[in-house]
Amino acid sequence: MKLIDLRSDTLTKPTAGMRKAMYAAEVGDDVYGEDRLVNELQIRVAEMLGKEAGLFVPSGTMSNQLAIKSQTQPGDEVICEYTSHLFTYEGGGPAVLSGVQVHPLKGNHGILDAVQISESIRPKDHHFAQTSLIALENTHNRGGGVVYPLPIIEQISDVAKDHHFTMHLDGARLMNAVIACGVDPSAYAELFDSVSVCFSKGLGAPVGSVLVGSAELIEKAHRFRKMFGGGMRQVGILAAAGHYALDYHIERLAEDHHRARLLAETCNELGVLEDDLSWTQTNIVVLSFPKGNTAQMEAAFMDEGLQVSVVDDQLIRLVTHLDFDDDQLDQSREILKKVLG
């Protein structure tokens, strides 16, 4: 029995076309700044997002941590959402790598608002860590892949400007938001000082993210990338995958969204969708079960050939992706009905 894997969109394999591009890639030494494809990818992503410069890094986690390191001082405070990736899944990186304190706020499906952030800013008092950076995530992973509404980001940006804070966007799935809303990526990016974009999720590349921002910020991040051990050599092979992803794998994200919506409709009919269908906006579907039942449900799905991701003791996640097609969609819906019906 061949398993259908909906644990994450990080599980995609490079397509035949992407592998061909990687095989044919010209390479140079990136630490010397001589890998043409890396240089071009950094410029390409920066221009796409309306920024001065970009930096190719191995992972979204490193990209987020470089953004924090480049825009804070030890003892500062970073405001983010309670379930955000940089607070939940990055191993305490802000504390270890940047010496900063994280101030997590609980949002609505990962979405914070300007009033909530304003009320959380520390007073100008020596007793308190001083807020210096606001970090948002779009789309929000633990929020079920919801898209951060642009008007809300604009309001938060106004708060940041009023207090002279910087803004970072964890845009690991930013292109999902772009396709879902039809908004140019630069419209999101212009409200942030730094933006991280990942290639190894919905875009289907095997590895890599790009951090963009001002030339000064990226120069700082470049030094810190070396310090963190993220300097790479003949990495044009990976940059070629990034170029291919930008050429061929952005528009097709709409297919992932469509299939996720159909899965969500089935889950809604079966009474296990976490919220109403309006919250299934991109490629993530969240199922809710009575407390303590998710391990049992995971095993039941696996017995029928469907791999899912357990979020906690109540929630299970399904993530559609490049390697999930219509035949697998039909099979998955039947498995859901068999296990839950």
C-alpha atoms as a PDB file:
ATOM      1  CA  MET A   1       0.000   0.000   0.000  1.00  0.00           C
ATOM      2  CA  LYS A   2       1.393   3.373  -1.046  1.00  0.00           C
ATOM      3  CA  LEU A   3       0.915   5.959   1.661  1.00  0.00           C
ATOM      4  CA  ILE A   4      -0.630   9.346   0.970  1.00  0.00           C
ATOM      5  CA  ASP A   5       1.480  11.807   2.932  1.00  0.00           C
ATOM      6  CA  LEU A   6      -0.276  14.982   4.084  1.00  0.00           C
ATOM      7  CA  ARG A   7       1.953  15.720   7.066  1.00  0.00           C
ATOM      8  CA  SER A   8       3.543  18.805   5.490  1.00  0.00           C
ATOM      9  CA  ASP A   9       4.347  20.597   2.245  1.00  0.00           C
ATOM     10  CA  THR A  10       8.037  20.206   3.168  1.00  0.00           C
ATOM     11  CA  LEU A  11       7.831  16.578   2.021  1.00  0.00           C
ATOM     12  CA  THR A  12       7.746  17.370  -1.701  1.00  0.00           C
ATOM     13  CA  LYS A  13      10.384  15.931  -4.018  1.00  0.00           C
ATOM     14  CA  PRO A  14      12.005  18.007  -6.784  1.00  0.00           C
ATOM     15  CA  THR A  15      10.128  17.552 -10.044  1.00  0.00           C
ATOM     16  CA  ALA A  16      11.844  16.153 -13.132  1.00  0.00           C
ATOM     17  CA  GLY A  17      12.205  19.656 -14.544  1.00  0.00           C
ATOM     18  CA  MET A  18      13.680  20.970 -11.302  1.00  0.00           C
ATOM     19  CA  ARG A  19      16.142  18.077 -11.113  1.00  0.00           C
ATOM     20  CA  LYS A  20      17.232  18.791 -14.687  1.00  0.00           C
ATOM     21  CA  ALA A  21      17.815  22.452 -13.827  1.00  0.00           C
ATOM     22  CA  MET A  22      19.809  21.465 -10.761  1.00  0.00           C
ATOM     23  CA  TYR A  23      21.900  18.976 -12.735  1.00  0.00           C
ATOM     24  CA  ALA A  24      22.759  21.564 -15.367  1.00  0.00           C
ATOM     25  CA  ALA A  25      23.452  24.350 -12.861  1.00  0.00           C
ATOM     26  CA  GLU A  26      26.594  26.410 -13.192  1.00  0.00           C
ATOM     27  CA  VAL A  27      28.288  26.691  -9.799  1.00  0.00           C
ATOM     28  CA  GLY A  28      30.845  28.884  -8.084  1.00  0.00           C
ATOM     29  CA  ASP A  29      32.018  29.541  -4.555  1.00  0.00           C
ATOM     30  CA  ASP A  30      29.297  31.502  -2.783  1.00  0.00           C
ATOM     31  CA  VAL A  31      31.481  32.419   0.206  1.00  0.00           C
ATOM     32  CA  TYR A  32      33.634  34.274  -2.315  1.00  0.00           C
ATOM     33  CA  GLY A  33      30.479  35.702  -3.864  1.00  0.00           C
ATOM     34  CA  GLU A  34      31.184  33.862  -7.112  1.00  0.00           C
ATOM     35  CA  ASP A  35      28.140  31.659  -7.538  1.00  0.00           C
ATOM     36  CA  ARG A  36      26.201  33.359 -10.323  1.00  0.00           C
ATOM     37  CA  LEU A  37      22.915  31.558  -9.789  1.00  0.00           C
ATOM     38  CA  VAL A  38      22.900  32.403  -6.076  1.00  0.00           C
ATOM     39  CA  ASN A  39      23.669  36.044  -6.794  1.00  0.00           C
ATOM     40  CA  GLU A  40      20.892  36.208  -9.379  1.00  0.00           C
ATOM     41  CA  LEU A  41      18.400  34.480  -7.069  1.00  0.00           C
ATOM     42  CA  GLN A  42      19.134  36.940  -4.269  1.00  0.00           C
ATOM     43  CA  ILE A  43      18.610  39.884  -6.616  1.00  0.00           C
ATOM     44  CA  ARG A  44      15.510  38.323  -8.151  1.00  0.00           C
ATOM     45  CA  VAL A  45      13.750  37.760  -4.813  1.00  0.00           C
ATOM     46  CA  ALA A  46      14.750  41.198  -3.529  1.00  0.00           C
ATOM     47  CA  GLU A  47      13.311  42.856  -6.647  1.00  0.00           C
ATOM     48  CA  MET A  48      10.146  40.735  -6.453  1.00  0.00           C
ATOM     49  CA  LEU A  49       9.595  42.002  -2.914  1.00  0.00           C
ATOM     50  CA  GLY A  50      10.702  45.573  -3.574  1.00  0.00           C
ATOM     51  CA  LYS A  51      13.817  45.422  -1.389  1.00  0.00           C
ATOM     52  CA  GLU A  52      17.431  46.448  -1.982  1.00  0.00           C
ATOM     53  CA  ALA A  53      19.160  43.137  -1.344  1.00  0.00           C
ATOM     54  CA  GLY A  54      18.721  39.469  -0.494  1.00  0.00           C
ATOM     55  CA  LEU A  55      20.648  36.639   1.131  1.00  0.00           C
ATOM     56  CA  PHE A  56      20.287  32.919   0.361  1.00  0.00           C
ATOM     57  CA  VAL A  57      20.315  30.743   3.481  1.00  0.00           C
ATOM     58  CA  PRO A  58      19.797  27.028   4.168  1.00  0.00           C
ATOM     59  CA  SER A  59      16.520  27.312   6.084  1.00  0.00           C
ATOM     60  CA  GLY A  60      13.613  29.501   7.091  1.00  0.00           C
ATOM     61  CA  THR A  61      14.677  29.175  10.717  1.00  0.00           C
ATOM     62  CA  MET A  62      18.106  30.598   9.947  1.00  0.00           C
ATOM     63  CA  SER A  63      16.490  33.368   7.918  1.00  0.00           C
ATOM     64  CA  ASN A  64      14.220  34.355  10.807  1.00  0.00           C
ATOM     65  CA  GLN A  65      17.069  34.227  13.296  1.00  0.00           C
ATOM     66  CA  LEU A  66      19.306  36.357  11.073  1.00  0.00           C
ATOM     67  CA  ALA A  67      16.525  38.926  10.800  1.00  0.00           C
ATOM     68  CA  ILE A  68      16.228  39.096  14.586  1.00  0.00           C
ATOM     69  CA  LYS A  69      19.981  39.239  15.116  1.00  0.00           C
ATOM     70  CA  SER A  70      20.366  42.023  12.561  1.00  0.00           C
ATOM     71  CA  GLN A  71      17.631  44.243  14.033  1.00  0.00           C
ATOM     72  CA  THR A  72      17.976  43.880  17.810  1.00  0.00           C
ATOM     73  CA  GLN A  73      20.410  44.248  20.668  1.00  0.00           C
ATOM     74  CA  PRO A  74      20.802  41.794  23.576  1.00  0.00           C
ATOM     75  CA  GLY A  75      18.162  42.586  26.185  1.00  0.00           C
ATOM     76  CA  ASP A  76      15.624  43.826  23.628  1.00  0.00           C
ATOM     77  CA  GLU A  77      12.163  42.334  23.276  1.00  0.00           C
ATOM     78  CA  VAL A  78      10.502  40.907  20.159  1.00  0.00           C
ATOM     79  CA  ILE A  79       6.704  40.850  19.923  1.00  0.00           C
ATOM     80  CA  CYS A  80       5.242  37.898  18.017  1.00  0.00           C
ATOM     81  CA  GLU A  81       2.215  35.611  18.049  1.00  0.00           C
ATOM     82  CA  TYR A  82       2.079  32.801  20.635  1.00  0.00           C
ATOM     83  CA  THR A  83       1.965  29.974  18.079  1.00  0.00           C
ATOM     84  CA  SER A  84       4.326  31.588  15.572  1.00  0.00           C
ATOM     85  CA  HIS A  85       7.115  29.510  14.073  1.00  0.00           C
ATOM     86  CA  LEU A  86       9.925  31.655  15.479  1.00  0.00           C
ATOM     87  CA  PHE A  87       8.573  31.247  19.024  1.00  0.00           C
ATOM     88  CA  THR A  88       7.296  27.662  18.859  1.00  0.00           C
ATOM     89  CA  TYR A  89       9.581  25.774  16.472  1.00  0.00           C
ATOM     90  CA  GLU A  90      12.997  27.426  16.435  1.00  0.00           C
ATOM     91  CA  GLY A  91      14.564  25.910  19.526  1.00  0.00           C
ATOM     92  CA  GLY A  92      14.817  29.052  21.622  1.00  0.00           C
ATOM     93  CA  GLY A  93      16.961  30.652  18.928  1.00  0.00           C
ATOM     94  CA  PRO A  94      16.127  34.285  19.769  1.00  0.00           C
ATOM     95  CA  ALA A  95      17.397  33.834  23.328  1.00  0.00           C
ATOM     96  CA  VAL A  96      20.502  31.838  22.407  1.00  0.00           C
ATOM     97  CA  LEU A  97      21.582  33.581  19.218  1.00  0.00           C
ATOM     98  CA  SER A  98      20.456  37.175  19.811  1.00  0.00           C
ATOM     99  CA  GLY A  99      20.030  37.434  23.582  1.00  0.00           C
ATOM    100  CA  VAL A 100      16.540  38.840  23.189  1.00  0.00           C
ATOM    101  CA  GLN A 101      13.328  38.236  25.074  1.00  0.00           C
ATOM    102  CA  VAL A 102      10.279  37.093  23.115  1.00  0.00           C
ATOM    103  CA  HIS A 103       6.891  38.534  24.070  1.00  0.00           C
ATOM    104  CA  PRO A 104       4.278  36.172  22.566  1.00  0.00           C
ATOM    105  CA  LEU A 105       0.668  37.341  22.261  1.00  0.00           C
ATOM    106  CA  LYS A 106      -2.284  35.058  21.548  1.00  0.00           C
ATOM    107  CA  GLY A 107      -3.922  35.917  18.246  1.00  0.00           C
ATOM    108  CA  ASN A 108      -7.065  34.831  16.436  1.00  0.00           C
ATOM    109  CA  HIS A 109      -5.857  31.965  14.225  1.00  0.00           C
ATOM    110  CA  GLY A 110      -2.400  33.514  14.503  1.00  0.00           C
ATOM    111  CA  ILE A 111      -3.565  37.026  13.616  1.00  0.00           C
ATOM    112  CA  LEU A 112      -2.679  39.874  15.978  1.00  0.00           C
ATOM    113  CA  ASP A 113      -4.176  43.349  15.759  1.00  0.00           C
ATOM    114  CA  ALA A 114      -2.707  46.806  16.232  1.00  0.00           C
ATOM    115  CA  VAL A 115      -4.501  47.548  19.512  1.00  0.00           C
ATOM    116  CA  GLN A 116      -3.302  44.284  21.034  1.00  0.00           C
ATOM    117  CA  ILE A 117       0.277  45.061  20.073  1.00  0.00           C
ATOM    118  CA  SER A 118       0.082  48.681  21.250  1.00  0.00           C
ATOM    119  CA  GLU A 119      -1.106  47.573  24.670  1.00  0.00           C
ATOM    120  CA  SER A 120       1.819  45.138  24.962  1.00  0.00           C
ATOM    121  CA  ILE A 121       4.655  47.586  24.320  1.00  0.00           C
ATOM    122  CA  ARG A 122       6.911  47.959  27.347  1.00  0.00           C
ATOM    123  CA  PRO A 123       7.152  51.350  29.074  1.00  0.00           C
ATOM    124  CA  LYS A 124      10.345  53.344  28.707  1.00  0.00           C
ATOM    125  CA  ASP A 125      11.611  52.197  32.070  1.00  0.00           C
ATOM    126  CA  HIS A 126      14.930  50.576  32.997  1.00  0.00           C
ATOM    127  CA  HIS A 127      13.068  47.735  34.705  1.00  0.00           C
ATOM    128  CA  PHE A 128      11.723  46.418  31.417  1.00  0.00           C
ATOM    129  CA  ALA A 129      13.145  44.859  28.289  1.00  0.00           C
ATOM    130  CA  GLN A 130      12.603  47.339  25.482  1.00  0.00           C
ATOM    131  CA  THR A 131      10.505  46.352  22.503  1.00  0.00           C
ATOM    132  CA  SER A 132      12.416  46.836  19.256  1.00  0.00           C
ATOM    133  CA  LEU A 133      10.969  44.381  16.707  1.00  0.00           C
ATOM    134  CA  ILE A 134       7.534  43.087  15.721  1.00  0.00           C
ATOM    135  CA  ALA A 135       7.497  39.750  13.882  1.00  0.00           C
ATOM    136  CA  LEU A 136       4.465  38.449  11.966  1.00  0.00           C
ATOM    137  CA  GLU A 137       3.889  35.235   9.998  1.00  0.00           C
ATOM    138  CA  ASN A 138       2.030  35.033   6.669  1.00  0.00           C
ATOM    139  CA  THR A 139       0.488  32.596   6.025  1.00  0.00           C
ATOM    140  CA  HIS A 140       0.283  31.472   9.633  1.00  0.00           C
ATOM    141  CA  ASN A 141       1.153  27.794   9.995  1.00  0.00           C
ATOM    142  CA  ARG A 142      -0.418  27.028  13.390  1.00  0.00           C
ATOM    143  CA  GLY A 143      -3.318  29.306  12.512  1.00  0.00           C
ATOM    144  CA  GLY A 144      -4.309  26.826   9.810  1.00  0.00           C
ATOM    145  CA  GLY A 145      -2.616  28.543   6.884  1.00  0.00           C
ATOM    146  CA  VAL A 146      -4.692  31.705   7.225  1.00  0.00           C
ATOM    147  CA  VAL A 147      -3.719  34.804   5.284  1.00  0.00           C
ATOM    148  CA  TYR A 148      -2.786  37.890   7.302  1.00  0.00           C
ATOM    149  CA  PRO A 149      -5.175  40.617   6.104  1.00  0.00           C
ATOM    150  CA  LEU A 150      -3.224  43.437   4.491  1.00  0.00           C
ATOM    151  CA  PRO A 151      -5.241  46.235   6.242  1.00  0.00           C
ATOM    152  CA  ILE A 152      -4.358  44.746   9.647  1.00  0.00           C
ATOM    153  CA  ILE A 153      -0.674  44.621   8.730  1.00  0.00           C
ATOM    154  CA  GLU A 154      -0.884  48.260   7.655  1.00  0.00           C
ATOM    155  CA  GLN A 155      -2.306  49.205  11.057  1.00  0.00           C
ATOM    156  CA  ILE A 156       0.423  47.254  12.860  1.00  0.00           C
ATOM    157  CA  SER A 157       3.019  48.926  10.648  1.00  0.00           C
ATOM    158  CA  ASP A 158       1.700  52.322  11.753  1.00  0.00           C
ATOM    159  CA  VAL A 159       2.215  51.290  15.383  1.00  0.00           C
ATOM    160  CA  ALA A 160       5.775  50.190  14.603  1.00  0.00           C
ATOM    161  CA  LYS A 161       6.549  53.492  12.879  1.00  0.00           C
ATOM    162  CA  ASP A 162       5.105  55.509  15.748  1.00  0.00           C
ATOM    163  CA  HIS A 163       7.425  53.727  18.191  1.00  0.00           C
ATOM    164  CA  HIS A 164      10.434  53.439  15.840  1.00  0.00           C
ATOM    165  CA  PHE A 165      10.309  49.638  15.849  1.00  0.00           C
ATOM    166  CA  THR A 166      11.343  47.453  12.941  1.00  0.00           C
ATOM    167  CA  MET A 167       9.098  44.794  11.396  1.00  0.00           C
ATOM    168  CA  HIS A 168       9.987  41.272  10.221  1.00  0.00           C
ATOM    169  CA  LEU A 169       7.790  38.972   8.156  1.00  0.00           C
ATOM    170  CA  ASP A 170       8.204  35.223   8.363  1.00  0.00           C
ATOM    171  CA  GLY A 171       6.914  34.650   4.846  1.00  0.00           C
ATOM    172  CA  ALA A 172       7.743  30.958   4.636  1.00  0.00           C
ATOM    173  CA  ARG A 173       4.412  30.508   2.840  1.00  0.00           C
ATOM    174  CA  LEU A 174       4.060  34.082   1.587  1.00  0.00           C
ATOM    175  CA  MET A 175       3.412  32.908  -1.969  1.00  0.00           C
ATOM    176  CA  ASN A 176       0.376  30.987  -0.718  1.00  0.00           C
ATOM    177  CA  ALA A 177      -0.990  34.282   0.588  1.00  0.00           C
ATOM    178  CA  VAL A 178      -0.176  35.986  -2.711  1.00  0.00           C
ATOM    179  CA  ILE A 179      -2.059  33.374  -4.729  1.00  0.00           C
ATOM    180  CA  ALA A 180      -4.980  33.210  -2.308  1.00  0.00           C
ATOM    181  CA  CYS A 181      -5.538  36.987  -2.332  1.00  0.00           C
ATOM    182  CA  GLY A 182      -4.175  38.058  -5.705  1.00  0.00           C
ATOM    183  CA  VAL A 183      -1.946  40.621  -3.998  1.00  0.00           C
ATOM    184  CA  ASP A 184       1.511  41.394  -5.362  1.00  0.00           C
ATOM    185  CA  PRO A 185       4.187  40.139  -2.944  1.00  0.00           C
ATOM    186  CA  SER A 186       5.732  43.608  -2.798  1.00  0.00           C
ATOM    187  CA  ALA A 187       2.486  44.955  -1.308  1.00  0.00           C
ATOM    188  CA  TYR A 188       3.055  42.773   1.732  1.00  0.00           C
ATOM    189  CA  ALA A 189       6.815  43.254   1.823  1.00  0.00           C
ATOM    190  CA  GLU A 190       6.802  47.054   1.722  1.00  0.00           C
ATOM    191  CA  LEU A 191       5.337  47.111   5.240  1.00  0.00           C
ATOM    192  CA  PHE A 192       8.312  45.186   6.659  1.00  0.00           C
ATOM    193  CA  ASP A 193      12.003  45.922   7.128  1.00  0.00           C
ATOM    194  CA  SER A 194      12.892  42.287   6.481  1.00  0.00           C
ATOM    195  CA  VAL A 195      11.081  39.382   4.840  1.00  0.00           C
ATOM    196  CA  SER A 196      11.933  35.684   4.733  1.00  0.00           C
ATOM    197  CA  VAL A 197      10.683  33.536   1.828  1.00  0.00           C
ATOM    198  CA  CYS A 198      11.047  29.741   1.817  1.00  0.00           C
ATOM    199  CA  PHE A 199      11.510  27.545  -1.267  1.00  0.00           C
ATOM    200  CA  SER A 200      11.224  24.124   0.384  1.00  0.00           C
ATOM    201  CA  LYS A 201       7.508  24.177   1.236  1.00  0.00           C
ATOM    202  CA  GLY A 202       4.809  24.848  -1.348  1.00  0.00           C
ATOM    203  CA  LEU A 203       7.364  25.878  -3.966  1.00  0.00           C
ATOM    204  CA  GLY A 204       8.806  22.372  -4.016  1.00  0.00           C
ATOM    205  CA  ALA A 205      12.551  22.979  -3.793  1.00  0.00           C
ATOM    206  CA  PRO A 206      14.666  20.635  -1.634  1.00  0.00           C
ATOM    207  CA  VAL A 207      16.148  23.349   0.572  1.00  0.00           C
ATOM    208  CA  GLY A 208      16.678  27.079   0.963  1.00  0.00           C
ATOM    209  CA  SER A 209      15.199  30.446   1.902  1.00  0.00           C
ATOM    210  CA  VAL A 210      15.996  34.030   0.995  1.00  0.00           C
ATOM    211  CA  LEU A 211      16.029  36.918   3.458  1.00  0.00           C
ATOM    212  CA  VAL A 212      15.481  40.366   1.926  1.00  0.00           C
ATOM    213  CA  GLY A 213      15.756  43.899   3.260  1.00  0.00           C
ATOM    214  CA  SER A 214      17.867  47.019   2.931  1.00  0.00           C
ATOM    215  CA  ALA A 215      21.440  46.676   1.719  1.00  0.00           C
ATOM    216  CA  GLU A 216      22.660  47.608   5.198  1.00  0.00           C
ATOM    217  CA  LEU A 217      20.500  45.002   6.914  1.00  0.00           C
ATOM    218  CA  ILE A 218      21.518  42.242   4.497  1.00  0.00           C
ATOM    219  CA  GLU A 219      25.184  43.130   4.967  1.00  0.00           C
ATOM    220  CA  LYS A 220      24.738  42.577   8.705  1.00  0.00           C
ATOM    221  CA  ALA A 221      22.837  39.358   8.098  1.00  0.00           C
ATOM    222  CA  HIS A 222      25.577  38.123   5.765  1.00  0.00           C
ATOM    223  CA  ARG A 223      28.160  38.480   8.543  1.00  0.00           C
ATOM    224  CA  PHE A 224      25.883  36.745  11.031  1.00  0.00           C
ATOM    225  CA  ARG A 225      25.195  33.947   8.543  1.00  0.00           C
ATOM    226  CA  LYS A 226      28.922  33.254   8.563  1.00  0.00           C
ATOM    227  CA  MET A 227      28.940  33.387  12.365  1.00  0.00           C
ATOM    228  CA  PHE A 228      26.018  30.930  12.558  1.00  0.00           C
ATOM    229  CA  GLY A 229      27.820  28.525  10.223  1.00  0.00           C
ATOM    230  CA  GLY A 230      25.567  29.151   7.235  1.00  0.00           C
ATOM    231  CA  GLY A 231      28.178  29.966   4.632  1.00  0.00           C
ATOM    232  CA  MET A 232      27.885  27.634   1.625  1.00  0.00           C
ATOM    233  CA  ARG A 233      30.148  26.914  -1.328  1.00  0.00           C
ATOM    234  CA  GLN A 234      28.961  25.515  -4.704  1.00  0.00           C
ATOM    235  CA  VAL A 235      25.339  26.184  -3.889  1.00  0.00           C
ATOM    236  CA  GLY A 236      24.186  27.116  -7.383  1.00  0.00           C
ATOM    237  CA  ILE A 237      22.687  23.624  -7.566  1.00  0.00           C
ATOM    238  CA  LEU A 238      20.207  24.699  -4.876  1.00  0.00           C
ATOM    239  CA  ALA A 239      19.742  28.186  -6.303  1.00  0.00           C
ATOM    240  CA  ALA A 240      18.754  26.574  -9.614  1.00  0.00           C
ATOM    241  CA  ALA A 241      15.927  24.824  -7.784  1.00  0.00           C
ATOM    242  CA  GLY A 242      14.861  28.185  -6.368  1.00  0.00           C
ATOM    243  CA  HIS A 243      14.813  29.784  -9.818  1.00  0.00           C
ATOM    244  CA  TYR A 244      12.792  26.873 -11.196  1.00  0.00           C
ATOM    245  CA  ALA A 245      10.324  27.169  -8.318  1.00  0.00           C
ATOM    246  CA  LEU A 246       9.782  30.857  -9.034  1.00  0.00           C
ATOM    247  CA  ASP A 247       9.304  30.125 -12.733  1.00  0.00           C
ATOM    248  CA  TYR A 248       6.885  27.212 -12.453  1.00  0.00           C
ATOM    249  CA  HIS A 249       5.581  26.597  -8.935  1.00  0.00           C
ATOM    250  CA  ILE A 250       3.925  29.802  -7.753  1.00  0.00           C
ATOM    251  CA  GLU A 251       0.747  29.886  -9.838  1.00  0.00           C
ATOM    252  CA  ARG A 252       0.133  26.184  -9.276  1.00  0.00           C
ATOM    253  CA  LEU A 253      -0.299  26.820  -5.533  1.00  0.00           C
ATOM    254  CA  ALA A 254      -3.932  27.492  -6.424  1.00  0.00           C
ATOM    255  CA  GLU A 255      -4.269  23.740  -7.070  1.00  0.00           C
ATOM    256  CA  ASP A 256      -3.127  22.995  -3.508  1.00  0.00           C
ATOM    257  CA  HIS A 257      -5.631  25.506  -2.164  1.00  0.00           C
ATOM    258  CA  HIS A 258      -8.459  23.976  -4.193  1.00  0.00           C
ATOM    259  CA  ARG A 259      -7.687  20.457  -2.969  1.00  0.00           C
ATOM    260  CA  ALA A 260      -7.403  21.657   0.624  1.00  0.00           C
ATOM    261  CA  ARG A 261     -10.809  23.270   0.325  1.00  0.00           C
ATOM    262  CA  LEU A 262     -12.340  20.001  -0.873  1.00  0.00           C
ATOM    263  CA  LEU A 263     -10.715  18.121   2.014  1.00  0.00           C
ATOM    264  CA  ALA A 264     -12.046  20.768   4.397  1.00  0.00           C
ATOM    265  CA  GLU A 265     -15.556  20.365   3.004  1.00  0.00           C
ATOM    266  CA  THR A 266     -15.408  16.631   3.660  1.00  0.00           C
ATOM    267  CA  CYS A 267     -14.076  17.180   7.189  1.00  0.00           C
ATOM    268  CA  ASN A 268     -16.796  19.750   7.790  1.00  0.00           C
ATOM    269  CA  GLU A 269     -19.473  17.261   6.696  1.00  0.00           C
ATOM    270  CA  LEU A 270     -17.966  14.718   9.104  1.00  0.00           C
ATOM    271  CA  GLY A 271     -17.992  17.229  11.970  1.00  0.00           C
ATOM    272  CA  VAL A 272     -14.229  17.318  12.601  1.00  0.00           C
ATOM    273  CA  LEU A 273     -13.173  20.585  10.936  1.00  0.00           C
ATOM    274  CA  GLU A 274     -11.680  22.825  13.641  1.00  0.00           C
ATOM    275  CA  ASP A 275     -13.563  25.941  12.489  1.00  0.00           C
ATOM    276  CA  ASP A 276     -15.926  26.940   9.725  1.00  0.00           C
ATOM    277  CA  LEU A 277     -14.787  26.686   6.124  1.00  0.00           C
ATOM    278  CA  SER A 278     -13.837  30.365   5.905  1.00  0.00           C
ATOM    279  CA  TRP A 279     -10.652  29.613   7.873  1.00  0.00           C
ATOM    280  CA  THR A 280      -9.386  27.111   5.290  1.00  0.00           C
ATOM    281  CA  GLN A 281      -7.813  29.737   3.068  1.00  0.00           C
ATOM    282  CA  THR A 282      -4.722  28.096   1.591  1.00  0.00           C
ATOM    283  CA  ASN A 283      -3.223  24.584   1.781  1.00  0.00           C
ATOM    284  CA  ILE A 284      -3.681  23.632   5.457  1.00  0.00           C
ATOM    285  CA  VAL A 285      -6.714  21.879   6.929  1.00  0.00           C
ATOM    286  CA  VAL A 286      -7.042  21.517  10.700  1.00  0.00           C
ATOM    287  CA  LEU A 287      -9.156  18.768  12.277  1.00  0.00           C
ATOM    288  CA  SER A 288     -10.343  18.854  15.888  1.00  0.00           C
ATOM    289  CA  PHE A 289     -11.011  15.833  18.105  1.00  0.00           C
ATOM    290  CA  PRO A 290     -11.907  15.268  21.756  1.00  0.00           C
ATOM    291  CA  LYS A 291      -8.898  15.886  23.991  1.00  0.00           C
ATOM    292  CA  GLY A 292      -6.441  13.003  24.019  1.00  0.00           C
ATOM    293  CA  ASN A 293      -7.711  11.247  20.876  1.00  0.00           C
ATOM    294  CA  THR A 294      -5.248  12.415  18.236  1.00  0.00           C
ATOM    295  CA  ALA A 295      -2.701   9.605  18.639  1.00  0.00           C
ATOM    296  CA  GLN A 296      -5.503   7.059  18.174  1.00  0.00           C
ATOM    297  CA  MET A 297      -6.823   8.906  15.128  1.00  0.00           C
ATOM    298  CA  GLU A 298      -3.347   9.190  13.627  1.00  0.00           C
ATOM    299  CA  ALA A 299      -2.951   5.424  13.887  1.00  0.00           C
ATOM    300  CA  ALA A 300      -6.388   4.820  12.377  1.00  0.00           C
ATOM    301  CA  PHE A 301      -5.581   7.028   9.394  1.00  0.00           C
ATOM    302  CA  MET A 302      -2.210   5.329   8.950  1.00  0.00           C
ATOM    303  CA  ASP A 303      -3.860   1.912   8.868  1.00  0.00           C
ATOM    304  CA  GLU A 304      -5.860   3.123   5.862  1.00  0.00           C
ATOM    305  CA  GLY A 305      -2.818   4.623   4.117  1.00  0.00           C
ATOM    306  CA  LEU A 306      -3.061   8.293   5.087  1.00  0.00           C
ATOM    307  CA  GLN A 307      -0.254  10.032   6.987  1.00  0.00           C
ATOM    308  CA  VAL A 308      -1.297  13.092   8.977  1.00  0.00           C
ATOM    309  CA  SER A 309       0.460  15.493  11.348  1.00  0.00           C
ATOM    310  CA  VAL A 310      -0.523  15.567  15.024  1.00  0.00           C
ATOM    311  CA  VAL A 311      -0.406  19.175  16.232  1.00  0.00           C
ATOM    312  CA  ASP A 312      -1.348  18.468  19.856  1.00  0.00           C
ATOM    313  CA  ASP A 313      -3.727  16.253  21.855  1.00  0.00           C
ATOM    314  CA  GLN A 314      -6.750  17.766  20.097  1.00  0.00           C
ATOM    315  CA  LEU A 315      -5.672  18.894  16.639  1.00  0.00           C
ATOM    316  CA  ILE A 316      -4.519  17.098  13.492  1.00  0.00           C
ATOM    317  CA  ARG A 317      -3.254  18.861  10.385  1.00  0.00           C
ATOM    318  CA  LEU A 318      -3.537  17.963   6.707  1.00  0.00           C
ATOM    319  CA  VAL A 319      -1.321  19.873   4.253  1.00  0.00           C
ATOM    320  CA  THR A 320      -1.757  19.687   0.483  1.00  0.00           C
ATOM    321  CA  HIS A 321       1.284  20.094  -1.732  1.00  0.00           C
ATOM    322  CA  LEU A 322       2.993  19.604  -5.089  1.00  0.00           C
ATOM    323  CA  ASP A 323       3.070  15.782  -4.825  1.00  0.00           C
ATOM    324  CA  PHE A 324      -0.621  15.444  -3.900  1.00  0.00           C
ATOM    325  CA  ASP A 325      -2.864  15.009  -6.934  1.00  0.00           C
ATOM    326  CA  ASP A 326      -6.565  14.598  -7.666  1.00  0.00           C
ATOM    327  CA  ASP A 327      -6.468  10.791  -7.440  1.00  0.00           C
ATOM    328  CA  GLN A 328      -4.908  11.025  -3.981  1.00  0.00           C
ATOM    329  CA  LEU A 329      -7.477  13.659  -3.074  1.00  0.00           C
ATOM    330  CA  ASP A 330     -10.311  11.263  -3.908  1.00  0.00           C
ATOM    331  CA  GLN A 331      -8.625   8.467  -1.952  1.00  0.00           C
ATOM    332  CA  SER A 332      -8.045  10.758   1.031  1.00  0.00           C
ATOM    333  CA  ARG A 333     -11.675  11.834   1.133  1.00  0.00           C
ATOM    334  CA  GLU A 334     -12.749   8.193   1.106  1.00  0.00           C
ATOM    335  CA  ILE A 335     -10.316   7.374   3.922  1.00  0.00           C
ATOM    336  CA  LEU A 336     -11.645  10.281   5.979  1.00  0.00           C
ATOM    337  CA  LYS A 337     -15.195   9.023   5.488  1.00  0.00           C
ATOM    338  CA  LYS A 338     -14.228   5.450   6.330  1.00  0.00           C
ATOM    339  CA  VAL A 339     -12.342   6.337   9.513  1.00  0.00           C
ATOM    340  CA  LEU A 340     -14.669   9.079  10.725  1.00  0.00           C
ATOM    341  CA  GLY A 341     -18.016   8.174   9.216  1.00  0.00           C
END
